[in-house]
Amino acid sequence: MSHLFKALSLALSVLTLSIVSIFAASCGSSGNQYRIFNAMSNPNATFNFDVTINGAIVTPVGGMGFQYVQPSKGYSSISSGSNTVDVYQAGQAGTAGAQPLVHSTVNLSGSNQYTIVLMGNSPTGPPPNGWAAQGFPDNNTLPSAGNVELRVINAAPSLPGAVNIYIVPTESIAGATPTFTGVAYGQPSQQPTEYATLPTGSYWVYVTTAQGTPLFPPYNFPSGVTTGIYTFMLTDTQNGFTFFEQPIPLTDMQ
């Protein structure tokens, strides 16, 4: 009887340890979320891209197009720590011997949401213009009702240096102060803050040089949202010869 009791006790101890280990592993690997935005441009990039994270394909059949975000709404789950992001021409991920066009590692800390941006305008060029994947942490604490939060990520290597961003309620920046200053390639808006909090309304978004010269016609960000968080992506054109003359708005949270 004593041998049976010892065997049963050992089995229960192993089972308990296994349950605790599984629970700890799940707690350590959950909590992060991500989305992918494709800003990779190239004179020959007429194809879509397959993206894998830690070896698993995360983009739809047929690949991910230029200026698309995946998932189209919300975020997907991802593990904490280092995650490998590989980008292939559509249809090549998982093919024997296929080499990724991009092989990057993004480090994600726990319980955050991230925008992973595929950027660059040269498949073989050196940094900063070479193709790469970069993770940007998102601050998705909703503002109070009646307000919106806006930020900018510069993924346009063809822009002439760091740019200023004006988000104004009228179609003019005469006498206005930049909402963000010095937004460099590969960086989010940071000065004076990363996110600007503004009351709900219809706004015009200007992208200018450091001296305040508009680089392209203003983008009208419409009204009708009672609260929310938005990211404006600055990209090159798909052929990579110049910058795309309109910011791409992403809905972070509503």
C-alpha atoms as a PDB file:
ATOM      1  CA  MET A   1       0.000   0.000   0.000  1.00  0.00           C
ATOM      2  CA  SER A   2       2.876   2.373   0.863  1.00  0.00           C
ATOM      3  CA  HIS A   3       4.451   1.796  -2.553  1.00  0.00           C
ATOM      4  CA  LEU A   4       1.104   2.561  -4.243  1.00  0.00           C
ATOM      5  CA  PHE A   5       0.695   5.743  -2.167  1.00  0.00           C
ATOM      6  CA  LYS A   6       4.220   6.915  -3.035  1.00  0.00           C
ATOM      7  CA  ALA A   7       3.624   6.260  -6.733  1.00  0.00           C
ATOM      8  CA  LEU A   8       0.331   8.146  -6.642  1.00  0.00           C
ATOM      9  CA  SER A   9       1.922  11.073  -4.778  1.00  0.00           C
ATOM     10  CA  LEU A  10       4.740  11.239  -7.339  1.00  0.00           C
ATOM     11  CA  ALA A  11       2.268  11.211 -10.231  1.00  0.00           C
ATOM     12  CA  LEU A  12       0.233  14.020  -8.660  1.00  0.00           C
ATOM     13  CA  SER A  13       3.401  16.048  -8.076  1.00  0.00           C
ATOM     14  CA  VAL A  14       4.477  15.670 -11.714  1.00  0.00           C
ATOM     15  CA  LEU A  15       0.977  16.617 -12.930  1.00  0.00           C
ATOM     16  CA  THR A  16       0.907  19.688 -10.680  1.00  0.00           C
ATOM     17  CA  LEU A  17       4.369  20.771 -11.849  1.00  0.00           C
ATOM     18  CA  SER A  18       3.313  20.360 -15.487  1.00  0.00           C
ATOM     19  CA  ILE A  19       0.175  22.478 -15.004  1.00  0.00           C
ATOM     20  CA  VAL A  20       2.184  25.199 -13.255  1.00  0.00           C
ATOM     21  CA  SER A  21       4.812  25.148 -16.014  1.00  0.00           C
ATOM     22  CA  ILE A  22       2.184  25.443 -18.752  1.00  0.00           C
ATOM     23  CA  PHE A  23       0.480  28.299 -16.924  1.00  0.00           C
ATOM     24  CA  ALA A  24       3.778  30.134 -16.400  1.00  0.00           C
ATOM     25  CA  ALA A  25       4.762  29.694 -20.035  1.00  0.00           C
ATOM     26  CA  SER A  26       1.442  30.989 -21.257  1.00  0.00           C
ATOM     27  CA  CYS A  27       1.655  34.017 -18.942  1.00  0.00           C
ATOM     28  CA  GLY A  28       5.199  34.763 -20.083  1.00  0.00           C
ATOM     29  CA  SER A  29       4.392  34.602 -23.822  1.00  0.00           C
ATOM     30  CA  SER A  30       1.027  36.340 -23.979  1.00  0.00           C
ATOM     31  CA  GLY A  31      -0.078  39.911 -23.630  1.00  0.00           C
ATOM     32  CA  ASN A  32       1.675  41.380 -26.681  1.00  0.00           C
ATOM     33  CA  GLN A  33      -0.165  42.213 -29.879  1.00  0.00           C
ATOM     34  CA  TYR A  34       1.009  43.379 -33.269  1.00  0.00           C
ATOM     35  CA  ARG A  35      -0.035  44.532 -36.707  1.00  0.00           C
ATOM     36  CA  ILE A  36       2.131  44.830 -39.841  1.00  0.00           C
ATOM     37  CA  PHE A  37       2.201  47.778 -42.238  1.00  0.00           C
ATOM     38  CA  ASN A  38       3.912  47.395 -45.623  1.00  0.00           C
ATOM     39  CA  ALA A  39       5.858  50.505 -46.672  1.00  0.00           C
ATOM     40  CA  MET A  40       8.569  48.630 -48.616  1.00  0.00           C
ATOM     41  CA  SER A  41       9.052  50.298 -52.005  1.00  0.00           C
ATOM     42  CA  ASN A  42      11.239  49.379 -54.960  1.00  0.00           C
ATOM     43  CA  PRO A  43      11.314  50.121 -58.722  1.00  0.00           C
ATOM     44  CA  ASN A  44      10.629  46.436 -59.374  1.00  0.00           C
ATOM     45  CA  ALA A  45       8.296  45.757 -56.418  1.00  0.00           C
ATOM     46  CA  THR A  46       5.176  45.036 -58.440  1.00  0.00           C
ATOM     47  CA  PHE A  47       4.621  41.912 -56.355  1.00  0.00           C
ATOM     48  CA  ASN A  48       3.045  41.353 -52.949  1.00  0.00           C
ATOM     49  CA  PHE A  49       4.916  39.994 -49.950  1.00  0.00           C
ATOM     50  CA  ASP A  50       4.541  36.962 -47.710  1.00  0.00           C
ATOM     51  CA  VAL A  51       5.511  37.692 -44.116  1.00  0.00           C
ATOM     52  CA  THR A  52       6.427  35.071 -41.546  1.00  0.00           C
ATOM     53  CA  ILE A  53       6.883  35.597 -37.830  1.00  0.00           C
ATOM     54  CA  ASN A  54       8.994  32.936 -36.142  1.00  0.00           C
ATOM     55  CA  GLY A  55       8.517  30.803 -39.263  1.00  0.00           C
ATOM     56  CA  ALA A  56       4.696  30.971 -39.459  1.00  0.00           C
ATOM     57  CA  ILE A  57       3.019  32.836 -42.331  1.00  0.00           C
ATOM     58  CA  VAL A  58       0.886  35.691 -40.981  1.00  0.00           C
ATOM     59  CA  THR A  59      -0.218  37.346 -44.231  1.00  0.00           C
ATOM     60  CA  PRO A  60      -3.180  36.284 -46.402  1.00  0.00           C
ATOM     61  CA  VAL A  61      -3.020  34.018 -49.449  1.00  0.00           C
ATOM     62  CA  GLY A  62      -1.667  36.077 -52.317  1.00  0.00           C
ATOM     63  CA  GLY A  63       0.525  38.139 -50.019  1.00  0.00           C
ATOM     64  CA  MET A  64       0.408  41.631 -48.612  1.00  0.00           C
ATOM     65  CA  GLY A  65       0.201  44.663 -50.900  1.00  0.00           C
ATOM     66  CA  PHE A  66       1.973  48.004 -50.669  1.00  0.00           C
ATOM     67  CA  GLN A  67       0.519  50.370 -48.020  1.00  0.00           C
ATOM     68  CA  TYR A  68      -1.643  47.552 -46.595  1.00  0.00           C
ATOM     69  CA  VAL A  69      -1.970  46.749 -42.921  1.00  0.00           C
ATOM     70  CA  GLN A  70      -2.452  43.228 -41.537  1.00  0.00           C
ATOM     71  CA  PRO A  71      -4.800  42.587 -39.811  1.00  0.00           C
ATOM     72  CA  SER A  72      -6.983  45.228 -41.425  1.00  0.00           C
ATOM     73  CA  LYS A  73      -8.535  46.016 -38.029  1.00  0.00           C
ATOM     74  CA  GLY A  74      -7.179  45.472 -34.559  1.00  0.00           C
ATOM     75  CA  TYR A  75      -4.127  43.410 -33.646  1.00  0.00           C
ATOM     76  CA  SER A  76      -2.910  39.803 -33.542  1.00  0.00           C
ATOM     77  CA  SER A  77      -1.224  38.040 -30.630  1.00  0.00           C
ATOM     78  CA  ILE A  78       2.549  37.618 -30.467  1.00  0.00           C
ATOM     79  CA  SER A  79       5.087  36.385 -27.909  1.00  0.00           C
ATOM     80  CA  SER A  80       7.245  38.617 -25.758  1.00  0.00           C
ATOM     81  CA  GLY A  81      10.959  38.868 -26.403  1.00  0.00           C
ATOM     82  CA  SER A  82      12.763  38.430 -29.713  1.00  0.00           C
ATOM     83  CA  ASN A  83      10.611  37.618 -32.740  1.00  0.00           C
ATOM     84  CA  THR A  84      12.004  36.866 -36.185  1.00  0.00           C
ATOM     85  CA  VAL A  85      10.297  38.633 -39.094  1.00  0.00           C
ATOM     86  CA  ASP A  86      11.025  37.293 -42.586  1.00  0.00           C
ATOM     87  CA  VAL A  87       9.623  38.755 -45.805  1.00  0.00           C
ATOM     88  CA  TYR A  88       9.389  36.835 -49.085  1.00  0.00           C
ATOM     89  CA  GLN A  89       7.957  37.495 -52.495  1.00  0.00           C
ATOM     90  CA  ALA A  90       4.357  36.222 -52.376  1.00  0.00           C
ATOM     91  CA  GLY A  91       4.182  32.474 -52.870  1.00  0.00           C
ATOM     92  CA  GLN A  92       7.768  31.774 -51.798  1.00  0.00           C
ATOM     93  CA  ALA A  93       7.418  31.539 -48.031  1.00  0.00           C
ATOM     94  CA  GLY A  94       7.728  27.903 -47.056  1.00  0.00           C
ATOM     95  CA  THR A  95       9.288  26.949 -50.409  1.00  0.00           C
ATOM     96  CA  ALA A  96      12.404  24.805 -50.064  1.00  0.00           C
ATOM     97  CA  GLY A  97      15.547  26.876 -50.500  1.00  0.00           C
ATOM     98  CA  ALA A  98      13.737  30.230 -50.642  1.00  0.00           C
ATOM     99  CA  GLN A  99      15.748  33.067 -49.117  1.00  0.00           C
ATOM    100  CA  PRO A 100      13.900  35.939 -47.423  1.00  0.00           C
ATOM    101  CA  LEU A 101      14.114  39.419 -48.878  1.00  0.00           C
ATOM    102  CA  VAL A 102      14.133  40.733 -45.313  1.00  0.00           C
ATOM    103  CA  HIS A 103      15.348  38.987 -42.182  1.00  0.00           C
ATOM    104  CA  SER A 104      14.875  41.120 -39.057  1.00  0.00           C
ATOM    105  CA  THR A 105      14.455  40.602 -35.341  1.00  0.00           C
ATOM    106  CA  VAL A 106      12.026  42.742 -33.376  1.00  0.00           C
ATOM    107  CA  ASN A 107      12.149  42.785 -29.582  1.00  0.00           C
ATOM    108  CA  LEU A 108       8.756  43.172 -27.929  1.00  0.00           C
ATOM    109  CA  SER A 109       8.183  43.684 -24.219  1.00  0.00           C
ATOM    110  CA  GLY A 110       5.191  42.356 -22.326  1.00  0.00           C
ATOM    111  CA  SER A 111       1.590  43.545 -22.480  1.00  0.00           C
ATOM    112  CA  ASN A 112       2.051  46.095 -25.265  1.00  0.00           C
ATOM    113  CA  GLN A 113       0.687  46.625 -28.758  1.00  0.00           C
ATOM    114  CA  TYR A 114       3.079  47.209 -31.646  1.00  0.00           C
ATOM    115  CA  THR A 115       3.032  48.367 -35.235  1.00  0.00           C
ATOM    116  CA  ILE A 116       5.679  46.431 -37.182  1.00  0.00           C
ATOM    117  CA  VAL A 117       6.584  48.490 -40.245  1.00  0.00           C
ATOM    118  CA  LEU A 118       8.227  46.994 -43.340  1.00  0.00           C
ATOM    119  CA  MET A 119      10.204  49.922 -44.737  1.00  0.00           C
ATOM    120  CA  GLY A 120      12.973  50.975 -47.084  1.00  0.00           C
ATOM    121  CA  ASN A 121      13.255  51.623 -50.819  1.00  0.00           C
ATOM    122  CA  SER A 122      16.081  49.284 -51.787  1.00  0.00           C
ATOM    123  CA  PRO A 123      16.136  45.484 -51.511  1.00  0.00           C
ATOM    124  CA  THR A 124      19.930  45.359 -51.349  1.00  0.00           C
ATOM    125  CA  GLY A 125      20.897  48.820 -50.145  1.00  0.00           C
ATOM    126  CA  PRO A 126      22.627  49.494 -46.837  1.00  0.00           C
ATOM    127  CA  PRO A 127      20.870  51.139 -43.906  1.00  0.00           C
ATOM    128  CA  PRO A 128      18.982  53.345 -43.597  1.00  0.00           C
ATOM    129  CA  ASN A 129      17.332  52.813 -46.987  1.00  0.00           C
ATOM    130  CA  GLY A 130      17.615  49.028 -47.205  1.00  0.00           C
ATOM    131  CA  TRP A 131      14.518  46.915 -46.627  1.00  0.00           C
ATOM    132  CA  ALA A 132      13.962  46.103 -42.960  1.00  0.00           C
ATOM    133  CA  ALA A 133      11.253  45.434 -40.365  1.00  0.00           C
ATOM    134  CA  GLN A 134      11.004  47.704 -37.336  1.00  0.00           C
ATOM    135  CA  GLY A 135       8.643  47.550 -34.352  1.00  0.00           C
ATOM    136  CA  PHE A 136       7.017  50.682 -32.893  1.00  0.00           C
ATOM    137  CA  PRO A 137       5.202  50.459 -29.537  1.00  0.00           C
ATOM    138  CA  ASP A 138       1.674  51.868 -29.622  1.00  0.00           C
ATOM    139  CA  ASN A 139       0.079  53.771 -26.750  1.00  0.00           C
ATOM    140  CA  ASN A 140      -3.514  52.624 -26.927  1.00  0.00           C
ATOM    141  CA  THR A 141      -5.041  54.087 -23.796  1.00  0.00           C
ATOM    142  CA  LEU A 142      -8.169  55.774 -25.117  1.00  0.00           C
ATOM    143  CA  PRO A 143      -8.458  59.519 -24.515  1.00  0.00           C
ATOM    144  CA  SER A 144     -11.555  60.948 -22.917  1.00  0.00           C
ATOM    145  CA  ALA A 145     -14.752  61.125 -24.998  1.00  0.00           C
ATOM    146  CA  GLY A 146     -14.695  63.954 -27.501  1.00  0.00           C
ATOM    147  CA  ASN A 147     -10.919  63.777 -28.029  1.00  0.00           C
ATOM    148  CA  VAL A 148      -8.658  62.029 -30.505  1.00  0.00           C
ATOM    149  CA  GLU A 149      -4.979  61.159 -30.272  1.00  0.00           C
ATOM    150  CA  LEU A 150      -2.762  61.351 -33.357  1.00  0.00           C
ATOM    151  CA  ARG A 151       0.862  60.503 -34.087  1.00  0.00           C
ATOM    152  CA  VAL A 152       3.092  60.107 -37.162  1.00  0.00           C
ATOM    153  CA  ILE A 153       5.594  57.415 -38.198  1.00  0.00           C
ATOM    154  CA  ASN A 154       8.064  58.410 -40.927  1.00  0.00           C
ATOM    155  CA  ALA A 155       8.647  55.413 -43.214  1.00  0.00           C
ATOM    156  CA  ALA A 156       9.515  57.531 -46.292  1.00  0.00           C
ATOM    157  CA  PRO A 157      13.286  57.534 -46.966  1.00  0.00           C
ATOM    158  CA  SER A 158      12.830  59.912 -49.933  1.00  0.00           C
ATOM    159  CA  LEU A 159      11.597  62.781 -47.749  1.00  0.00           C
ATOM    160  CA  PRO A 160      14.217  65.561 -47.513  1.00  0.00           C
ATOM    161  CA  GLY A 161      15.384  64.939 -43.963  1.00  0.00           C
ATOM    162  CA  ALA A 162      13.362  65.273 -40.775  1.00  0.00           C
ATOM    163  CA  VAL A 163       9.944  66.861 -41.348  1.00  0.00           C
ATOM    164  CA  ASN A 164       7.470  68.918 -39.360  1.00  0.00           C
ATOM    165  CA  ILE A 165       3.802  67.993 -39.091  1.00  0.00           C
ATOM    166  CA  TYR A 166       0.959  70.464 -38.742  1.00  0.00           C
ATOM    167  CA  ILE A 167      -2.501  69.201 -37.752  1.00  0.00           C
ATOM    168  CA  VAL A 168      -4.766  72.238 -37.983  1.00  0.00           C
ATOM    169  CA  PRO A 169      -8.544  72.852 -38.144  1.00  0.00           C
ATOM    170  CA  THR A 170      -8.302  75.140 -41.198  1.00  0.00           C
ATOM    171  CA  GLU A 171      -6.774  74.705 -44.636  1.00  0.00           C
ATOM    172  CA  SER A 172      -3.841  76.952 -43.804  1.00  0.00           C
ATOM    173  CA  ILE A 173      -0.755  76.841 -41.601  1.00  0.00           C
ATOM    174  CA  ALA A 174      -0.184  80.592 -41.656  1.00  0.00           C
ATOM    175  CA  GLY A 175       0.830  81.553 -38.117  1.00  0.00           C
ATOM    176  CA  ALA A 176       0.382  77.969 -36.852  1.00  0.00           C
ATOM    177  CA  THR A 177       2.809  76.075 -34.624  1.00  0.00           C
ATOM    178  CA  PRO A 178       3.892  72.595 -35.770  1.00  0.00           C
ATOM    179  CA  THR A 179       2.102  69.783 -33.981  1.00  0.00           C
ATOM    180  CA  PHE A 180       5.281  67.675 -34.278  1.00  0.00           C
ATOM    181  CA  THR A 181       8.799  68.752 -35.163  1.00  0.00           C
ATOM    182  CA  GLY A 182      11.824  66.880 -36.478  1.00  0.00           C
ATOM    183  CA  VAL A 183      10.162  63.575 -37.425  1.00  0.00           C
ATOM    184  CA  ALA A 184      13.095  61.675 -38.948  1.00  0.00           C
ATOM    185  CA  TYR A 185      13.011  58.609 -41.192  1.00  0.00           C
ATOM    186  CA  GLY A 186      12.507  55.428 -39.197  1.00  0.00           C
ATOM    187  CA  GLN A 187      11.150  57.342 -36.206  1.00  0.00           C
ATOM    188  CA  PRO A 188       7.743  58.209 -34.728  1.00  0.00           C
ATOM    189  CA  SER A 189       6.771  61.751 -33.832  1.00  0.00           C
ATOM    190  CA  GLN A 190       8.439  62.627 -30.529  1.00  0.00           C
ATOM    191  CA  GLN A 191       8.537  66.410 -30.146  1.00  0.00           C
ATOM    192  CA  PRO A 192       6.916  67.822 -28.099  1.00  0.00           C
ATOM    193  CA  THR A 193       5.163  64.473 -27.490  1.00  0.00           C
ATOM    194  CA  GLU A 194       4.673  61.276 -29.478  1.00  0.00           C
ATOM    195  CA  TYR A 195       0.869  61.635 -29.526  1.00  0.00           C
ATOM    196  CA  ALA A 196      -1.095  64.859 -29.862  1.00  0.00           C
ATOM    197  CA  THR A 197      -4.470  65.041 -28.098  1.00  0.00           C
ATOM    198  CA  LEU A 198      -7.007  67.143 -30.001  1.00  0.00           C
ATOM    199  CA  PRO A 199     -10.753  67.709 -29.697  1.00  0.00           C
ATOM    200  CA  THR A 200     -12.924  65.918 -32.233  1.00  0.00           C
ATOM    201  CA  GLY A 201     -13.200  67.835 -35.481  1.00  0.00           C
ATOM    202  CA  SER A 202     -12.147  68.031 -39.093  1.00  0.00           C
ATOM    203  CA  TYR A 203      -8.389  68.582 -39.434  1.00  0.00           C
ATOM    204  CA  TRP A 204      -5.887  69.233 -42.196  1.00  0.00           C
ATOM    205  CA  VAL A 205      -2.559  67.426 -42.010  1.00  0.00           C
ATOM    206  CA  TYR A 206       0.461  69.207 -43.497  1.00  0.00           C
ATOM    207  CA  VAL A 207       3.911  67.694 -43.933  1.00  0.00           C
ATOM    208  CA  THR A 208       6.603  70.356 -44.308  1.00  0.00           C
ATOM    209  CA  THR A 209      10.344  70.802 -44.360  1.00  0.00           C
ATOM    210  CA  ALA A 210      12.058  71.950 -41.188  1.00  0.00           C
ATOM    211  CA  GLN A 211      11.642  75.484 -42.530  1.00  0.00           C
ATOM    212  CA  GLY A 212       7.861  75.089 -42.886  1.00  0.00           C
ATOM    213  CA  THR A 213       7.592  74.620 -46.666  1.00  0.00           C
ATOM    214  CA  PRO A 214       4.747  72.168 -47.486  1.00  0.00           C
ATOM    215  CA  LEU A 215       5.999  69.091 -49.295  1.00  0.00           C
ATOM    216  CA  PHE A 216       2.615  68.080 -50.735  1.00  0.00           C
ATOM    217  CA  PRO A 217      -1.035  69.114 -50.567  1.00  0.00           C
ATOM    218  CA  PRO A 218      -2.654  68.806 -47.133  1.00  0.00           C
ATOM    219  CA  TYR A 219      -4.583  65.689 -46.189  1.00  0.00           C
ATOM    220  CA  ASN A 220      -8.056  66.251 -44.751  1.00  0.00           C
ATOM    221  CA  PHE A 221      -8.675  64.060 -41.712  1.00  0.00           C
ATOM    222  CA  PRO A 222     -12.495  63.927 -41.480  1.00  0.00           C
ATOM    223  CA  SER A 223     -14.687  64.459 -38.466  1.00  0.00           C
ATOM    224  CA  GLY A 224     -17.303  62.081 -37.124  1.00  0.00           C
ATOM    225  CA  VAL A 225     -15.166  60.237 -34.577  1.00  0.00           C
ATOM    226  CA  THR A 226     -16.098  60.826 -30.956  1.00  0.00           C
ATOM    227  CA  THR A 227     -12.867  59.354 -29.590  1.00  0.00           C
ATOM    228  CA  GLY A 228      -9.978  57.271 -30.854  1.00  0.00           C
ATOM    229  CA  ILE A 229      -6.259  56.886 -31.563  1.00  0.00           C
ATOM    230  CA  TYR A 230      -4.745  57.151 -35.042  1.00  0.00           C
ATOM    231  CA  THR A 231      -1.329  56.782 -36.660  1.00  0.00           C
ATOM    232  CA  PHE A 232      -0.396  58.580 -39.871  1.00  0.00           C
ATOM    233  CA  MET A 233       2.170  56.645 -41.934  1.00  0.00           C
ATOM    234  CA  LEU A 234       4.501  58.576 -44.262  1.00  0.00           C
ATOM    235  CA  THR A 235       5.745  56.382 -47.130  1.00  0.00           C
ATOM    236  CA  ASP A 236       7.504  56.544 -50.459  1.00  0.00           C
ATOM    237  CA  THR A 237       5.680  55.771 -53.687  1.00  0.00           C
ATOM    238  CA  GLN A 238       5.627  52.100 -54.619  1.00  0.00           C
ATOM    239  CA  ASN A 239       8.435  52.528 -57.168  1.00  0.00           C
ATOM    240  CA  GLY A 240      10.565  54.229 -54.526  1.00  0.00           C
ATOM    241  CA  PHE A 241      11.589  57.195 -56.666  1.00  0.00           C
ATOM    242  CA  THR A 242       9.960  59.818 -54.434  1.00  0.00           C
ATOM    243  CA  PHE A 243       7.715  60.219 -51.418  1.00  0.00           C
ATOM    244  CA  PHE A 244       3.992  59.439 -51.560  1.00  0.00           C
ATOM    245  CA  GLU A 245       2.011  62.682 -51.424  1.00  0.00           C
ATOM    246  CA  GLN A 246      -0.484  61.655 -48.760  1.00  0.00           C
ATOM    247  CA  PRO A 247      -0.187  60.233 -45.253  1.00  0.00           C
ATOM    248  CA  ILE A 248      -1.841  56.837 -44.764  1.00  0.00           C
ATOM    249  CA  PRO A 249      -4.136  56.892 -41.692  1.00  0.00           C
ATOM    250  CA  LEU A 250      -4.315  53.764 -39.514  1.00  0.00           C
ATOM    251  CA  THR A 251      -6.953  53.293 -36.848  1.00  0.00           C
ATOM    252  CA  ASP A 252      -5.150  52.174 -33.719  1.00  0.00           C
ATOM    253  CA  MET A 253      -8.236  52.091 -31.495  1.00  0.00           C
ATOM    254  CA  GLN A 254     -11.770  53.477 -31.355  1.00  0.00           C
END
